[in-house]
Amino acid sequence: MNYQISYEKRALIELRKLDKLLAKRIIKKIRELETDPFSKDIKRLKGQPLFRLRVGDYRVLFELLEKEIKIIKVGHRKNIYDE
């Protein structure tokens, strides 16, 4: 089953702020979620309906809906969980 990827405005803004090579690497990993949203780098966040994808020192927080993966936030592991 393939999933549709969508981005919240905030996640797109955060991606644009990153170095081009890093952003490409993160986008590549996000696209891999389309076919396997439950790979080994995925963990469910406690107390939230969100999942986390690891890409080096960066994290992608996303929501898994019926046939959609909604990218909520992208950022460095040091401060991605603030808020």
PDB file of N, CA and C in Angstrom:
ATOM      1  N   MET A   1       0.843  -1.181   0.000  1.00  0.00           N
ATOM      2  CA  MET A   1       0.000   0.000   0.000  1.00  0.00           C
ATOM      3  C   MET A   1       0.886   1.242   0.000  1.00  0.00           C
ATOM      4  N   ASN A   2       0.645   2.141  -0.918  1.00  0.00           N
ATOM      5  CA  ASN A   2       1.390   3.395  -0.975  1.00  0.00           C
ATOM      6  C   ASN A   2       0.630   4.495  -0.256  1.00  0.00           C
ATOM      7  N   TYR A   3       1.375   5.321   0.425  1.00  0.00           N
ATOM      8  CA  TYR A   3       0.808   6.452   1.153  1.00  0.00           C
ATOM      9  C   TYR A   3       1.096   7.740   0.398  1.00  0.00           C
ATOM     10  N   GLN A   4       0.229   8.708   0.561  1.00  0.00           N
ATOM     11  CA  GLN A   4       0.408  10.044  -0.016  1.00  0.00           C
ATOM     12  C   GLN A   4       1.144  10.896   1.020  1.00  0.00           C
ATOM     13  N   ILE A   5       2.153  11.639   0.604  1.00  0.00           N
ATOM     14  CA  ILE A   5       2.905  12.515   1.505  1.00  0.00           C
ATOM     15  C   ILE A   5       2.369  13.934   1.379  1.00  0.00           C
ATOM     16  N   SER A   6       2.112  14.569   2.532  1.00  0.00           N
ATOM     17  CA  SER A   6       1.742  15.989   2.533  1.00  0.00           C
ATOM     18  C   SER A   6       2.567  16.685   3.613  1.00  0.00           C
ATOM     19  N   TYR A   7       2.761  17.979   3.438  1.00  0.00           N
ATOM     20  CA  TYR A   7       3.597  18.758   4.351  1.00  0.00           C
ATOM     21  C   TYR A   7       2.792  19.900   4.950  1.00  0.00           C
ATOM     22  N   GLU A   8       2.966  20.112   6.249  1.00  0.00           N
ATOM     23  CA  GLU A   8       2.435  21.329   6.843  1.00  0.00           C
ATOM     24  C   GLU A   8       3.358  22.472   6.445  1.00  0.00           C
ATOM     25  N   LYS A   9       2.820  23.661   6.398  1.00  0.00           N
ATOM     26  CA  LYS A   9       3.590  24.838   5.984  1.00  0.00           C
ATOM     27  C   LYS A   9       4.854  24.991   6.833  1.00  0.00           C
ATOM     28  N   ARG A  10       4.723  24.764   8.113  1.00  0.00           N
ATOM     29  CA  ARG A  10       5.838  24.887   9.054  1.00  0.00           C
ATOM     30  C   ARG A  10       6.989  23.948   8.682  1.00  0.00           C
ATOM     31  N   ALA A  11       6.673  22.719   8.289  1.00  0.00           N
ATOM     32  CA  ALA A  11       7.708  21.752   7.915  1.00  0.00           C
ATOM     33  C   ALA A  11       8.437  22.196   6.649  1.00  0.00           C
ATOM     34  N   LEU A  12       7.703  22.739   5.692  1.00  0.00           N
ATOM     35  CA  LEU A  12       8.330  23.228   4.456  1.00  0.00           C
ATOM     36  C   LEU A  12       9.276  24.389   4.741  1.00  0.00           C
ATOM     37  N   ILE A  13       8.870  25.287   5.617  1.00  0.00           N
ATOM     38  CA  ILE A  13       9.724  26.422   5.993  1.00  0.00           C
ATOM     39  C   ILE A  13      11.007  25.913   6.648  1.00  0.00           C
ATOM     40  N   GLU A  14      10.872  24.941   7.550  1.00  0.00           N
ATOM     41  CA  GLU A  14      12.045  24.387   8.228  1.00  0.00           C
ATOM     42  C   GLU A  14      12.983  23.695   7.240  1.00  0.00           C
ATOM     43  N   LEU A  15      12.430  22.985   6.267  1.00  0.00           N
ATOM     44  CA  LEU A  15      13.265  22.325   5.251  1.00  0.00           C
ATOM     45  C   LEU A  15      14.033  23.338   4.411  1.00  0.00           C
ATOM     46  N   ARG A  16      13.395  24.438   4.062  1.00  0.00           N
ATOM     47  CA  ARG A  16      14.055  25.466   3.235  1.00  0.00           C
ATOM     48  C   ARG A  16      15.221  26.132   3.959  1.00  0.00           C
ATOM     49  N   LYS A  17      15.193  26.149   5.278  1.00  0.00           N
ATOM     50  CA  LYS A  17      16.259  26.776   6.061  1.00  0.00           C
ATOM     51  C   LYS A  17      17.519  25.912   6.124  1.00  0.00           C
ATOM     52  N   LEU A  18      17.382  24.628   5.823  1.00  0.00           N
ATOM     53  CA  LEU A  18      18.505  23.703   5.936  1.00  0.00           C
ATOM     54  C   LEU A  18      19.428  23.779   4.725  1.00  0.00           C
ATOM     55  N   ASP A  19      20.643  23.282   4.914  1.00  0.00           N
ATOM     56  CA  ASP A  19      21.603  23.132   3.825  1.00  0.00           C
ATOM     57  C   ASP A  19      20.974  22.260   2.731  1.00  0.00           C
ATOM     58  N   LYS A  20      21.229  22.595   1.475  1.00  0.00           N
ATOM     59  CA  LYS A  20      20.594  21.898   0.341  1.00  0.00           C
ATOM     60  C   LYS A  20      20.832  20.383   0.368  1.00  0.00           C
ATOM     61  N   LEU A  21      22.080  19.965   0.626  1.00  0.00           N
ATOM     62  CA  LEU A  21      22.378  18.531   0.642  1.00  0.00           C
ATOM     63  C   LEU A  21      21.642  17.816   1.765  1.00  0.00           C
ATOM     64  N   LEU A  22      21.599  18.437   2.926  1.00  0.00           N
ATOM     65  CA  LEU A  22      20.887  17.856   4.060  1.00  0.00           C
ATOM     66  C   LEU A  22      19.394  17.771   3.765  1.00  0.00           C
ATOM     67  N   ALA A  23      18.841  18.818   3.203  1.00  0.00           N
ATOM     68  CA  ALA A  23      17.414  18.829   2.863  1.00  0.00           C
ATOM     69  C   ALA A  23      17.094  17.718   1.859  1.00  0.00           C
ATOM     70  N   LYS A  24      17.961  17.523   0.868  1.00  0.00           N
ATOM     71  CA  LYS A  24      17.743  16.454  -0.122  1.00  0.00           C
ATOM     72  C   LYS A  24      17.763  15.083   0.544  1.00  0.00           C
ATOM     73  N   ARG A  25      18.697  14.904   1.484  1.00  0.00           N
ATOM     74  CA  ARG A  25      18.798  13.630   2.202  1.00  0.00           C
ATOM     75  C   ARG A  25      17.529  13.358   3.015  1.00  0.00           C
ATOM     76  N   ILE A  26      17.028  14.399   3.668  1.00  0.00           N
ATOM     77  CA  ILE A  26      15.811  14.264   4.470  1.00  0.00           C
ATOM     78  C   ILE A  26      14.612  13.968   3.572  1.00  0.00           C
ATOM     79  N   ILE A  27      14.506  14.669   2.457  1.00  0.00           N
ATOM     80  CA  ILE A  27      13.391  14.451   1.526  1.00  0.00           C
ATOM     81  C   ILE A  27      13.435  13.029   0.960  1.00  0.00           C
ATOM     82  N   LYS A  28      14.631  12.532   0.681  1.00  0.00           N
ATOM     83  CA  LYS A  28      14.766  11.156   0.181  1.00  0.00           C
ATOM     84  C   LYS A  28      14.220  10.162   1.203  1.00  0.00           C
ATOM     85  N   LYS A  29      14.563  10.368   2.477  1.00  0.00           N
ATOM     86  CA  LYS A  29      14.073   9.487   3.542  1.00  0.00           C
ATOM     87  C   LYS A  29      12.556   9.603   3.695  1.00  0.00           C
ATOM     88  N   ILE A  30      12.038  10.821   3.562  1.00  0.00           N
ATOM     89  CA  ILE A  30      10.590  11.023   3.657  1.00  0.00           C
ATOM     90  C   ILE A  30       9.888  10.265   2.530  1.00  0.00           C
ATOM     91  N   ARG A  31      10.438  10.318   1.337  1.00  0.00           N
ATOM     92  CA  ARG A  31       9.828   9.613   0.193  1.00  0.00           C
ATOM     93  C   ARG A  31       9.833   8.098   0.392  1.00  0.00           C
ATOM     94  N   GLU A  32      10.818   7.594   1.123  1.00  0.00           N
ATOM     95  CA  GLU A  32      10.853   6.157   1.414  1.00  0.00           C
ATOM     96  C   GLU A  32       9.675   5.738   2.287  1.00  0.00           C
ATOM     97  N   LEU A  33       9.120   6.689   3.034  1.00  0.00           N
ATOM     98  CA  LEU A  33       7.960   6.398   3.881  1.00  0.00           C
ATOM     99  C   LEU A  33       6.731   6.019   3.057  1.00  0.00           C
ATOM    100  N   GLU A  34       6.662   6.487   1.813  1.00  0.00           N
ATOM    101  CA  GLU A  34       5.497   6.206   0.960  1.00  0.00           C
ATOM    102  C   GLU A  34       5.218   4.711   0.858  1.00  0.00           C
ATOM    103  N   THR A  35       6.267   3.910   0.792  1.00  0.00           N
ATOM    104  CA  THR A  35       6.088   2.470   0.641  1.00  0.00           C
ATOM    105  C   THR A  35       6.243   1.703   1.945  1.00  0.00           C
ATOM    106  N   ASP A  36       7.005   2.247   2.915  1.00  0.00           N
ATOM    107  CA  ASP A  36       7.214   1.545   4.187  1.00  0.00           C
ATOM    108  C   ASP A  36       7.270   2.528   5.358  1.00  0.00           C
ATOM    109  N   PRO A  37       6.103   2.948   5.865  1.00  0.00           N
ATOM    110  CA  PRO A  37       6.103   3.906   6.973  1.00  0.00           C
ATOM    111  C   PRO A  37       6.438   3.272   8.327  1.00  0.00           C
ATOM    112  N   PHE A  38       6.764   1.990   8.345  1.00  0.00           N
ATOM    113  CA  PHE A  38       7.080   1.313   9.603  1.00  0.00           C
ATOM    114  C   PHE A  38       8.479   0.710   9.591  1.00  0.00           C
ATOM    115  N   SER A  39       9.417   1.391   8.934  1.00  0.00           N
ATOM    116  CA  SER A  39      10.790   0.888   8.871  1.00  0.00           C
ATOM    117  C   SER A  39      11.462   0.995  10.239  1.00  0.00           C
ATOM    118  N   LYS A  40      12.694   0.529  10.331  1.00  0.00           N
ATOM    119  CA  LYS A  40      13.389   0.459  11.624  1.00  0.00           C
ATOM    120  C   LYS A  40      13.686   1.822  12.249  1.00  0.00           C
ATOM    121  N   ASP A  41      13.772   2.886  11.456  1.00  0.00           N
ATOM    122  CA  ASP A  41      14.080   4.215  11.995  1.00  0.00           C
ATOM    123  C   ASP A  41      12.843   4.960  12.496  1.00  0.00           C
ATOM    124  N   ILE A  42      11.699   4.303  12.521  1.00  0.00           N
ATOM    125  CA  ILE A  42      10.445   4.947  12.904  1.00  0.00           C
ATOM    126  C   ILE A  42      10.074   4.547  14.326  1.00  0.00           C
ATOM    127  N   LYS A  43       9.695   5.535  15.130  1.00  0.00           N
ATOM    128  CA  LYS A  43       9.192   5.265  16.477  1.00  0.00           C
ATOM    129  C   LYS A  43       7.982   6.143  16.736  1.00  0.00           C
ATOM    130  N   ARG A  44       7.038   5.603  17.476  1.00  0.00           N
ATOM    131  CA  ARG A  44       5.867   6.381  17.881  1.00  0.00           C
ATOM    132  C   ARG A  44       6.260   7.211  19.105  1.00  0.00           C
ATOM    133  N   LEU A  45       5.846   8.478  19.132  1.00  0.00           N
ATOM    134  CA  LEU A  45       6.139   9.336  20.279  1.00  0.00           C
ATOM    135  C   LEU A  45       5.140   9.052  21.393  1.00  0.00           C
ATOM    136  N   LYS A  46       5.630   8.993  22.609  1.00  0.00           N
ATOM    137  CA  LYS A  46       4.765   8.714  23.756  1.00  0.00           C
ATOM    138  C   LYS A  46       3.823   9.882  24.015  1.00  0.00           C
ATOM    139  N   GLY A  47       2.566   9.555  24.244  1.00  0.00           N
ATOM    140  CA  GLY A  47       1.579  10.567  24.605  1.00  0.00           C
ATOM    141  C   GLY A  47       1.142  11.471  23.469  1.00  0.00           C
ATOM    142  N   GLN A  48       1.528  11.138  22.240  1.00  0.00           N
ATOM    143  CA  GLN A  48       1.157  11.955  21.077  1.00  0.00           C
ATOM    144  C   GLN A  48       0.796  11.039  19.912  1.00  0.00           C
ATOM    145  N   PRO A  49      -0.008  11.529  18.987  1.00  0.00           N
ATOM    146  CA  PRO A  49      -0.354  10.707  17.819  1.00  0.00           C
ATOM    147  C   PRO A  49       0.679  10.842  16.694  1.00  0.00           C
ATOM    148  N   LEU A  50       1.930  11.126  17.044  1.00  0.00           N
ATOM    149  CA  LEU A  50       2.977  11.384  16.050  1.00  0.00           C
ATOM    150  C   LEU A  50       4.015  10.276  16.029  1.00  0.00           C
ATOM    151  N   PHE A  51       4.705  10.191  14.897  1.00  0.00           N
ATOM    152  CA  PHE A  51       5.821   9.277  14.730  1.00  0.00           C
ATOM    153  C   PHE A  51       7.076  10.095  14.448  1.00  0.00           C
ATOM    154  N   ARG A  52       8.236   9.466  14.662  1.00  0.00           N
ATOM    155  CA  ARG A  52       9.509  10.137  14.455  1.00  0.00           C
ATOM    156  C   ARG A  52      10.367   9.341  13.482  1.00  0.00           C
ATOM    157  N   LEU A  53      10.954  10.049  12.524  1.00  0.00           N
ATOM    158  CA  LEU A  53      11.896   9.463  11.571  1.00  0.00           C
ATOM    159  C   LEU A  53      13.263  10.070  11.844  1.00  0.00           C
ATOM    160  N   ARG A  54      14.288   9.228  11.997  1.00  0.00           N
ATOM    161  CA  ARG A  54      15.659   9.707  12.215  1.00  0.00           C
ATOM    162  C   ARG A  54      16.388   9.832  10.892  1.00  0.00           C
ATOM    163  N   VAL A  55      17.053  10.982  10.713  1.00  0.00           N
ATOM    164  CA  VAL A  55      17.926  11.194   9.553  1.00  0.00           C
ATOM    165  C   VAL A  55      19.181  11.863  10.108  1.00  0.00           C
ATOM    166  N   GLY A  56      20.155  11.052  10.524  1.00  0.00           N
ATOM    167  CA  GLY A  56      21.354  11.597  11.162  1.00  0.00           C
ATOM    168  C   GLY A  56      20.972  12.294  12.459  1.00  0.00           C
ATOM    169  N   ASP A  57      21.411  13.549  12.617  1.00  0.00           N
ATOM    170  CA  ASP A  57      21.080  14.335  13.811  1.00  0.00           C
ATOM    171  C   ASP A  57      19.746  15.057  13.676  1.00  0.00           C
ATOM    172  N   TYR A  58      19.048  14.833  12.591  1.00  0.00           N
ATOM    173  CA  TYR A  58      17.768  15.514  12.354  1.00  0.00           C
ATOM    174  C   TYR A  58      16.608  14.546  12.521  1.00  0.00           C
ATOM    175  N   ARG A  59      15.466  15.104  12.873  1.00  0.00           N
ATOM    176  CA  ARG A  59      14.260  14.318  13.076  1.00  0.00           C
ATOM    177  C   ARG A  59      13.122  14.888  12.247  1.00  0.00           C
ATOM    178  N   VAL A  60      12.272  13.998  11.773  1.00  0.00           N
ATOM    179  CA  VAL A  60      11.067  14.378  11.043  1.00  0.00           C
ATOM    180  C   VAL A  60       9.898  13.839  11.858  1.00  0.00           C
ATOM    181  N   LEU A  61       9.020  14.727  12.292  1.00  0.00           N
ATOM    182  CA  LEU A  61       7.834  14.305  13.024  1.00  0.00           C
ATOM    183  C   LEU A  61       6.671  14.267  12.051  1.00  0.00           C
ATOM    184  N   PHE A  62       5.936  13.164  12.065  1.00  0.00           N
ATOM    185  CA  PHE A  62       4.825  13.032  11.125  1.00  0.00           C
ATOM    186  C   PHE A  62       3.648  12.316  11.753  1.00  0.00           C
ATOM    187  N   GLU A  63       2.513  12.525  11.131  1.00  0.00           N
ATOM    188  CA  GLU A  63       1.265  11.909  11.547  1.00  0.00           C
ATOM    189  C   GLU A  63       0.887  10.889  10.478  1.00  0.00           C
ATOM    190  N   LEU A  64       0.510   9.707  10.903  1.00  0.00           N
ATOM    191  CA  LEU A  64       0.127   8.650   9.971  1.00  0.00           C
ATOM    192  C   LEU A  64      -1.389   8.548   9.952  1.00  0.00           C
ATOM    193  N   LEU A  65      -1.967   8.942   8.829  1.00  0.00           N
ATOM    194  CA  LEU A  65      -3.413   8.882   8.661  1.00  0.00           C
ATOM    195  C   LEU A  65      -3.747   7.649   7.823  1.00  0.00           C
ATOM    196  N   GLU A  66      -4.990   7.506   7.408  1.00  0.00           N
ATOM    197  CA  GLU A  66      -5.406   6.295   6.705  1.00  0.00           C
ATOM    198  C   GLU A  66      -4.545   5.977   5.475  1.00  0.00           C
ATOM    199  N   LYS A  67      -4.442   6.907   4.544  1.00  0.00           N
ATOM    200  CA  LYS A  67      -3.607   6.694   3.348  1.00  0.00           C
ATOM    201  C   LYS A  67      -2.694   7.887   3.118  1.00  0.00           C
ATOM    202  N   GLU A  68      -2.420   8.622   4.191  1.00  0.00           N
ATOM    203  CA  GLU A  68      -1.628   9.846   4.079  1.00  0.00           C
ATOM    204  C   GLU A  68      -0.614   9.919   5.212  1.00  0.00           C
ATOM    205  N   ILE A  69       0.564  10.405   4.872  1.00  0.00           N
ATOM    206  CA  ILE A  69       1.589  10.716   5.865  1.00  0.00           C
ATOM    207  C   ILE A  69       1.735  12.225   5.849  1.00  0.00           C
ATOM    208  N   LYS A  70       1.438  12.852   6.970  1.00  0.00           N
ATOM    209  CA  LYS A  70       1.478  14.310   7.064  1.00  0.00           C
ATOM    210  C   LYS A  70       2.729  14.719   7.835  1.00  0.00           C
ATOM    211  N   ILE A  71       3.660  15.387   7.154  1.00  0.00           N
ATOM    212  CA  ILE A  71       4.903  15.835   7.777  1.00  0.00           C
ATOM    213  C   ILE A  71       4.587  17.092   8.580  1.00  0.00           C
ATOM    214  N   ILE A  72       4.800  17.021   9.885  1.00  0.00           N
ATOM    215  CA  ILE A  72       4.441  18.101  10.794  1.00  0.00           C
ATOM    216  C   ILE A  72       5.610  19.042  11.056  1.00  0.00           C
ATOM    217  N   LYS A  73       6.787  18.454  11.311  1.00  0.00           N
ATOM    218  CA  LYS A  73       7.924  19.266  11.747  1.00  0.00           C
ATOM    219  C   LYS A  73       9.233  18.591  11.347  1.00  0.00           C
ATOM    220  N   VAL A  74      10.239  19.397  11.008  1.00  0.00           N
ATOM    221  CA  VAL A  74      11.579  18.912  10.670  1.00  0.00           C
ATOM    222  C   VAL A  74      12.564  19.762  11.453  1.00  0.00           C
ATOM    223  N   GLY A  75      13.538  19.122  12.122  1.00  0.00           N
ATOM    224  CA  GLY A  75      14.509  19.912  12.864  1.00  0.00           C
ATOM    225  C   GLY A  75      15.596  19.067  13.499  1.00  0.00           C
ATOM    226  N   HIS A  76      16.558  19.751  14.103  1.00  0.00           N
ATOM    227  CA  HIS A  76      17.675  19.097  14.785  1.00  0.00           C
ATOM    228  C   HIS A  76      17.159  18.385  16.032  1.00  0.00           C
ATOM    229  N   ARG A  77      17.761  17.266  16.354  1.00  0.00           N
ATOM    230  CA  ARG A  77      17.290  16.466  17.493  1.00  0.00           C
ATOM    231  C   ARG A  77      17.350  17.221  18.816  1.00  0.00           C
ATOM    232  N   LYS A  78      18.240  18.210  18.876  1.00  0.00           N
ATOM    233  CA  LYS A  78      18.417  18.984  20.103  1.00  0.00           C
ATOM    234  C   LYS A  78      17.161  19.775  20.477  1.00  0.00           C
ATOM    235  N   ASN A  79      16.441  20.278  19.470  1.00  0.00           N
ATOM    236  CA  ASN A  79      15.302  21.139  19.802  1.00  0.00           C
ATOM    237  C   ASN A  79      14.003  20.795  19.070  1.00  0.00           C
ATOM    238  N   ILE A  80      13.933  19.654  18.419  1.00  0.00           N
ATOM    239  CA  ILE A  80      12.720  19.292  17.674  1.00  0.00           C
ATOM    240  C   ILE A  80      11.539  19.031  18.612  1.00  0.00           C
ATOM    241  N   TYR A  81      11.808  18.570  19.829  1.00  0.00           N
ATOM    242  CA  TYR A  81      10.723  18.197  20.732  1.00  0.00           C
ATOM    243  C   TYR A  81      10.259  19.346  21.617  1.00  0.00           C
ATOM    244  N   ASP A  82      10.897  20.509  21.502  1.00  0.00           N
ATOM    245  CA  ASP A  82      10.455  21.687  22.258  1.00  0.00           C
ATOM    246  C   ASP A  82       9.102  22.125  21.726  1.00  0.00           C
ATOM    247  N   GLU A  83       8.270  22.629  22.549  1.00  0.00           N
ATOM    248  CA  GLU A  83       6.914  23.118  22.234  1.00  0.00           C
ATOM    249  C   GLU A  83       5.877  22.133  22.621  1.00  0.00           C
TER     250      GLU A  83
END
